[in-house]
Amino acid sequence: MRSPCTVLLALCAITSAFLLTGCSAQRLTRAELSALEADAAATIEDFKDADAGFSRWMDRSAGYAIFPSVGKGAIGIGGAHGDGLVYEDGAVIGTSAMSQATIGFQLGGQVFSEVIFFEDEADIDRFTTGKFEFGAQASAVAATAGAAAGTEFTNGMAIFLHSKGGLMYEASIGGQKFNFRPIEDAIRE
């Protein structure tokens, strides 16, 4: 007979594998792309409203990925997913899907926005070629007044989060996986 701990660990491993491998950047119609671009622009304004220093990050980074709306839910095992856009030199270069799996003491649901800034072109290349994941060591900065001023790049990236709603009690570990699709492959007619 298997212990409850062994069963729980197996369930967590299966759930994590499903969430992290099931991440696929979606193909969009031109109308859906326009709507996602509008959501991304509104998200940037939300971040700027929360912290005026956020504009500095827009100017100093080589590029960024914006996930306007990431949904997250958990009861012990958690998962999150969001679709976004990737920018280089202010222009959209593709779409990205983010999936997250976590395990630990957690309960609830929330929606948040996430922006990842890339320090240089090599970091954008790492993201767009699929060699980019966040592990437990990655840390994000909540978009609050003054937070951007004290933040620096870590391993070529800086991550900012802005809560949009919900309630989540959490003490967990996990990772995020990203899937990038170049803009020319992301449009479906």
Protein backbone atom coordinates (compact mmCIF):
# COMPACT_ATOMS: atom_id res chain seq x y z
CA MET A 1 0.00 0.00 0.00
CA ARG A 2 1.35 3.44 -0.92
CA SER A 3 1.58 6.18 1.64
CA PRO A 4 -0.53 9.32 1.15
CA CYS A 5 2.70 11.30 0.79
CA THR A 6 3.88 9.11 -2.10
CA VAL A 7 0.53 9.44 -3.84
CA LEU A 8 0.54 13.22 -3.34
CA LEU A 9 4.07 13.54 -4.74
CA ALA A 10 3.15 11.44 -7.79
CA LEU A 11 0.04 13.56 -8.35
CA CYS A 12 2.11 16.75 -8.05
CA ALA A 13 4.69 15.46 -10.53
CA ILE A 14 2.00 14.53 -13.06
CA THR A 15 0.19 17.86 -12.65
CA SER A 16 3.43 19.83 -12.94
CA ALA A 17 4.50 17.94 -16.06
CA PHE A 18 1.09 18.53 -17.64
CA LEU A 19 1.08 22.25 -16.84
CA LEU A 20 4.65 22.89 -17.90
CA THR A 21 4.58 20.91 -21.14
CA GLY A 22 1.06 21.95 -22.12
CA CYS A 23 2.10 25.57 -22.49
CA SER A 24 1.71 26.67 -26.11
CA ALA A 25 1.66 30.17 -27.55
CA GLN A 26 -1.66 30.64 -29.26
CA ARG A 27 -2.34 31.65 -32.83
CA LEU A 28 -4.46 34.77 -33.06
CA THR A 29 -6.68 36.48 -35.59
CA ARG A 30 -5.71 40.06 -36.38
CA ALA A 31 -8.64 41.25 -34.22
CA GLU A 32 -7.47 39.08 -31.28
CA LEU A 33 -3.92 40.41 -31.70
CA SER A 34 -5.23 44.00 -31.66
CA ALA A 35 -7.19 43.27 -28.47
CA LEU A 36 -4.14 41.70 -26.81
CA GLU A 37 -2.03 44.72 -27.83
CA ALA A 38 -4.64 47.03 -26.25
CA ASP A 39 -4.62 44.92 -23.07
CA ALA A 40 -0.80 45.07 -22.99
CA ALA A 41 -0.84 48.87 -23.39
CA ALA A 42 -3.39 49.20 -20.58
CA THR A 43 -1.25 46.90 -18.41
CA ILE A 44 1.79 49.13 -18.91
CA GLU A 45 -0.31 52.13 -17.84
CA ASP A 46 -1.45 50.22 -14.72
CA PHE A 47 2.18 49.52 -13.82
CA LYS A 48 3.15 53.17 -14.43
CA ASP A 49 0.23 54.33 -12.26
CA ALA A 50 1.38 52.01 -9.45
CA ASP A 51 5.02 53.17 -9.69
CA ALA A 52 6.23 56.16 -11.71
CA GLY A 53 9.73 54.60 -11.81
CA PHE A 54 8.40 51.84 -14.03
CA SER A 55 8.95 54.05 -17.12
CA ARG A 56 12.69 53.79 -16.50
CA TRP A 57 12.45 50.04 -17.13
CA MET A 58 10.68 50.59 -20.44
CA ASP A 59 13.54 52.84 -21.55
CA ARG A 60 16.52 50.84 -20.30
CA SER A 61 15.60 47.29 -21.30
CA ALA A 62 16.28 45.67 -24.68
CA GLY A 63 12.79 44.20 -24.66
CA TYR A 64 10.01 42.84 -22.51
CA ALA A 65 7.21 40.30 -22.32
CA ILE A 66 3.80 41.46 -21.08
CA PHE A 67 1.17 39.07 -19.74
CA PRO A 68 -1.88 41.31 -19.13
CA SER A 69 -3.97 38.72 -17.32
CA VAL A 70 -2.63 35.60 -15.63
CA GLY A 71 -5.14 33.42 -13.79
CA LYS A 72 -3.90 31.38 -10.85
CA GLY A 73 -5.63 28.87 -8.60
CA ALA A 74 -4.46 26.45 -5.92
CA ILE A 75 -5.46 23.99 -3.26
CA GLY A 76 -2.09 22.58 -2.18
CA ILE A 77 -1.13 22.13 -5.83
CA GLY A 78 -1.38 25.25 -7.94
CA GLY A 79 -1.37 26.26 -11.54
CA ALA A 80 -1.45 29.47 -13.52
CA HIS A 81 -1.68 30.42 -17.16
CA GLY A 82 -1.58 33.60 -19.21
CA ASP A 83 -1.03 34.72 -22.78
CA GLY A 84 1.06 37.71 -23.69
CA LEU A 85 3.18 39.60 -26.18
CA VAL A 86 6.94 39.94 -26.54
CA TYR A 87 8.45 43.29 -27.55
CA GLU A 88 11.90 44.24 -28.80
CA ASP A 89 12.77 47.91 -29.32
CA GLY A 90 9.10 48.78 -28.72
CA ALA A 91 7.73 46.53 -31.49
CA VAL A 92 5.81 43.27 -31.08
CA ILE A 93 7.98 40.34 -32.19
CA GLY A 94 5.73 37.49 -31.06
CA THR A 95 3.25 35.93 -28.68
CA SER A 96 4.04 33.92 -25.59
CA ALA A 97 2.14 31.60 -23.31
CA MET A 98 3.13 31.23 -19.67
CA SER A 99 2.26 28.25 -17.47
CA GLN A 100 3.16 27.89 -13.82
CA ALA A 101 3.05 24.93 -11.46
CA THR A 102 3.51 25.23 -7.69
CA ILE A 103 3.35 23.00 -4.64
CA GLY A 104 3.15 23.92 -0.99
CA PHE A 105 0.76 25.58 1.42
CA GLN A 106 -1.54 27.52 -0.88
CA LEU A 107 -5.23 28.13 -1.22
CA GLY A 108 -7.27 30.51 -3.32
CA GLY A 109 -7.33 32.18 -6.67
CA GLN A 110 -6.10 35.40 -8.12
CA VAL A 111 -5.54 37.28 -11.35
CA PHE A 112 -2.38 39.28 -11.89
CA SER A 113 -0.35 40.96 -14.63
CA GLU A 114 3.31 40.13 -15.22
CA VAL A 115 6.01 42.02 -17.08
CA ILE A 116 9.47 40.55 -17.68
CA PHE A 117 12.19 42.95 -18.78
CA PHE A 118 15.24 41.66 -20.68
CA GLU A 119 18.58 43.32 -20.12
CA ASP A 120 20.05 42.78 -23.58
CA GLU A 121 19.49 41.05 -26.91
CA ALA A 122 21.05 37.80 -25.68
CA ASP A 123 18.37 37.60 -22.98
CA ILE A 124 15.61 38.17 -25.56
CA ASP A 125 17.17 35.42 -27.71
CA ARG A 126 17.21 33.07 -24.72
CA PHE A 127 13.49 33.74 -24.17
CA THR A 128 12.47 33.42 -27.83
CA THR A 129 14.41 30.18 -28.46
CA GLY A 130 12.66 28.36 -25.63
CA LYS A 131 15.60 28.21 -23.25
CA PHE A 132 13.86 30.29 -20.64
CA GLU A 133 12.18 29.12 -17.44
CA PHE A 134 11.92 30.54 -13.98
CA GLY A 135 12.71 28.24 -11.11
CA ALA A 136 12.22 28.72 -7.42
CA GLN A 137 15.18 31.14 -7.30
CA ALA A 138 13.51 33.78 -9.51
CA SER A 139 11.92 36.60 -7.60
CA ALA A 140 9.34 39.11 -8.75
CA VAL A 141 8.76 42.65 -7.54
CA ALA A 142 5.25 43.81 -6.73
CA ALA A 143 4.39 47.00 -8.59
CA THR A 144 4.07 49.47 -5.73
CA ALA A 145 5.24 53.05 -5.36
CA GLY A 146 9.04 53.19 -5.36
CA ALA A 147 9.62 49.47 -5.99
CA ALA A 148 11.07 49.95 -9.49
CA ALA A 149 13.81 52.28 -8.24
CA GLY A 150 15.37 49.64 -6.01
CA THR A 151 15.19 46.79 -8.53
CA GLU A 152 18.06 45.59 -10.72
CA PHE A 153 18.42 42.94 -13.41
CA THR A 154 19.13 39.44 -12.11
CA ASN A 155 20.43 36.91 -14.64
CA GLY A 156 19.43 39.27 -17.45
CA MET A 157 15.85 39.82 -16.36
CA ALA A 158 13.64 41.78 -14.00
CA ILE A 159 10.12 40.60 -13.19
CA PHE A 160 7.25 42.80 -12.02
CA LEU A 161 3.80 41.69 -10.90
CA HIS A 162 0.63 43.71 -10.41
CA SER A 163 -2.37 42.16 -8.66
CA LYS A 164 -5.69 42.59 -10.42
CA GLY A 165 -7.89 40.76 -7.90
CA GLY A 166 -8.58 37.65 -5.91
CA LEU A 167 -7.17 36.23 -2.72
CA MET A 168 -4.35 33.74 -2.41
CA TYR A 169 -2.70 32.37 0.71
CA GLU A 170 0.61 30.97 -0.35
CA ALA A 171 3.92 29.57 0.84
CA SER A 172 4.98 27.48 -2.12
CA ILE A 173 7.69 26.73 -4.64
CA GLY A 174 7.37 26.16 -8.33
CA GLY A 175 8.39 27.40 -11.72
CA GLN A 176 7.15 29.15 -14.83
CA LYS A 177 7.60 27.90 -18.37
CA PHE A 178 7.20 30.00 -21.49
CA ASN A 179 6.44 29.18 -25.11
CA PHE A 180 7.22 31.79 -27.76
CA ARG A 181 5.74 32.06 -31.26
CA PRO A 182 7.20 34.62 -33.74
CA ILE A 183 4.63 37.18 -34.87
CA GLU A 184 4.65 35.94 -38.48
CA ASP A 185 3.64 32.47 -37.19
CA ALA A 186 1.22 33.80 -34.57
CA ILE A 187 -1.35 35.26 -36.98
CA ARG A 188 -4.06 32.99 -38.32
CA GLU A 189 -6.43 34.11 -41.00
